[in-house]
């Protein structure tokens, strides 16, 4: 089993920055693709970014150039650095781990990010 614990959310003004962290317990962190999703009130959960086993990042168009995903396999942690935040980035942000087996999928409890003046 894998437990994921997100941290780093909060209230920030437009244009500000936050860094989210997701710490994973259990084994085989380096064999899992790591994701960040978000869900705004009244909207469906959407993919924000993911990082491959080799560390290659991928982003949704809405965050490209502003957000950076990274992973530290030694610390079993994935990060999401969020810069130039906008009110539309307000959401609950969820960390997710997938693999190594097909069908393996784990979720964190989420952390609230609010961008407001």
Protein backbone atom coordinates (compact mmCIF):
# COMPACT_ATOMS: atom_id res chain seq x y z
CA UNK A 1 0.00 0.00 0.00
CA UNK A 2 1.00 3.59 -0.60
CA UNK A 3 0.00 6.60 1.43
CA UNK A 4 0.37 10.07 -0.05
CA UNK A 5 0.38 13.20 2.09
CA UNK A 6 0.24 16.63 0.45
CA UNK A 7 1.36 19.85 2.10
CA UNK A 8 2.16 23.43 1.18
CA UNK A 9 -1.25 24.76 0.20
CA UNK A 10 -2.62 28.06 1.42
CA UNK A 11 -3.81 31.53 0.52
CA UNK A 12 -1.69 33.58 -1.86
CA UNK A 13 -2.19 36.79 -3.80
CA UNK A 14 -2.36 36.79 -7.60
CA UNK A 15 1.14 36.69 -9.03
CA UNK A 16 2.47 34.89 -5.98
CA UNK A 17 4.08 31.48 -5.58
CA UNK A 18 3.55 28.30 -3.61
CA UNK A 19 5.35 24.98 -3.51
CA UNK A 20 3.34 21.85 -2.90
CA UNK A 21 4.93 18.67 -1.61
CA UNK A 22 3.64 15.11 -1.66
CA UNK A 23 5.38 12.59 0.55
CA UNK A 24 4.84 8.92 -0.22
CA UNK A 25 5.10 6.08 2.25
CA UNK A 26 5.67 2.49 1.32
CA UNK A 27 8.06 1.07 -1.19
CA UNK A 28 8.73 1.39 -4.91
CA UNK A 29 8.33 5.16 -5.18
CA UNK A 30 10.87 5.23 -8.00
CA UNK A 31 8.74 2.80 -10.03
CA UNK A 32 5.63 5.00 -9.96
CA UNK A 33 4.64 7.83 -12.25
CA UNK A 34 3.63 10.78 -10.07
CA UNK A 35 0.81 13.17 -10.86
CA UNK A 36 -0.74 16.39 -9.64
CA UNK A 37 -4.44 16.93 -10.27
CA UNK A 38 -6.72 19.73 -9.14
CA UNK A 39 -10.44 20.22 -8.64
CA UNK A 40 -12.11 23.60 -8.44
CA UNK A 41 -15.58 24.01 -6.93
CA UNK A 42 -18.25 22.82 -9.33
CA UNK A 43 -15.70 21.50 -11.82
CA UNK A 44 -14.29 18.12 -12.72
CA UNK A 45 -10.89 17.03 -11.49
CA UNK A 46 -8.24 17.87 -14.06
CA UNK A 47 -4.67 16.84 -14.66
CA UNK A 48 -2.13 19.53 -13.87
CA UNK A 49 1.19 17.78 -14.42
CA UNK A 50 2.96 14.46 -14.19
CA UNK A 51 6.55 13.32 -13.98
CA UNK A 52 7.79 10.07 -15.48
CA UNK A 53 10.04 7.46 -13.90
CA UNK A 54 12.99 9.14 -15.58
CA UNK A 55 12.02 12.57 -14.30
CA UNK A 56 10.55 13.99 -17.51
CA UNK A 57 7.82 16.54 -16.75
CA UNK A 58 4.56 17.03 -18.61
CA UNK A 59 2.06 19.86 -18.11
CA UNK A 60 -1.45 20.93 -18.91
CA UNK A 61 -1.49 23.88 -21.27
CA UNK A 62 -3.09 26.06 -18.61
CA UNK A 63 -0.03 25.83 -16.33
CA UNK A 64 2.81 25.45 -18.83
CA UNK A 65 5.54 27.98 -18.18
CA UNK A 66 4.26 28.75 -14.67
CA UNK A 67 4.34 25.42 -12.81
CA UNK A 68 7.23 22.99 -12.38
CA UNK A 69 6.88 19.38 -11.27
CA UNK A 70 9.85 17.46 -9.92
CA UNK A 71 10.57 14.33 -7.96
CA UNK A 72 13.17 13.31 -5.39
CA UNK A 73 13.33 9.53 -5.28
CA UNK A 74 15.69 9.59 -2.30
CA UNK A 75 13.03 11.41 -0.28
CA UNK A 76 9.99 9.65 -1.81
CA UNK A 77 8.60 13.09 -2.57
CA UNK A 78 7.13 14.89 -5.55
CA UNK A 79 6.88 18.67 -5.72
CA UNK A 80 4.85 21.22 -7.61
CA UNK A 81 6.36 24.69 -7.77
CA UNK A 82 3.62 27.14 -8.73
CA UNK A 83 4.59 30.64 -9.87
CA UNK A 84 2.59 33.53 -11.31
CA UNK A 85 -0.54 32.18 -9.66
CA UNK A 86 -3.92 33.30 -10.93
CA UNK A 87 -7.37 33.25 -9.32
CA UNK A 88 -8.34 30.46 -11.72
CA UNK A 89 -5.66 28.26 -10.14
CA UNK A 90 -7.79 28.13 -6.99
CA UNK A 91 -8.62 24.48 -6.30
CA UNK A 92 -7.92 21.49 -4.13
CA UNK A 93 -4.70 19.95 -5.40
CA UNK A 94 -4.28 16.18 -5.25
CA UNK A 95 -1.21 14.04 -5.58
CA UNK A 96 -1.53 10.66 -7.27
CA UNK A 97 0.78 7.71 -7.84
CA UNK A 98 0.35 5.16 -10.63
CA UNK A 99 2.07 1.85 -11.22
CA UNK A 100 4.17 -0.17 -11.45
CA UNK A 101 1.35 -2.61 -12.16
CA UNK A 102 -1.51 -1.69 -14.41
CA UNK A 103 -4.37 -0.60 -12.22
CA UNK A 104 -2.21 0.57 -9.33
CA UNK A 105 -3.52 4.01 -8.42
CA UNK A 106 -3.23 5.94 -5.18
CA UNK A 107 -4.47 9.37 -4.08
CA UNK A 108 -3.65 11.84 -1.38
CA UNK A 109 -6.24 13.71 0.64
CA UNK A 110 -5.68 17.01 -1.15
CA UNK A 111 -4.46 20.45 -0.16
CA UNK A 112 -6.35 23.69 -0.73
CA UNK A 113 -4.80 26.43 -2.83
CA UNK A 114 -6.60 29.76 -2.88
CA UNK A 115 -5.42 32.63 -5.06
CA UNK A 116 -7.12 35.85 -4.07
CA UNK A 117 -6.39 39.45 -3.24
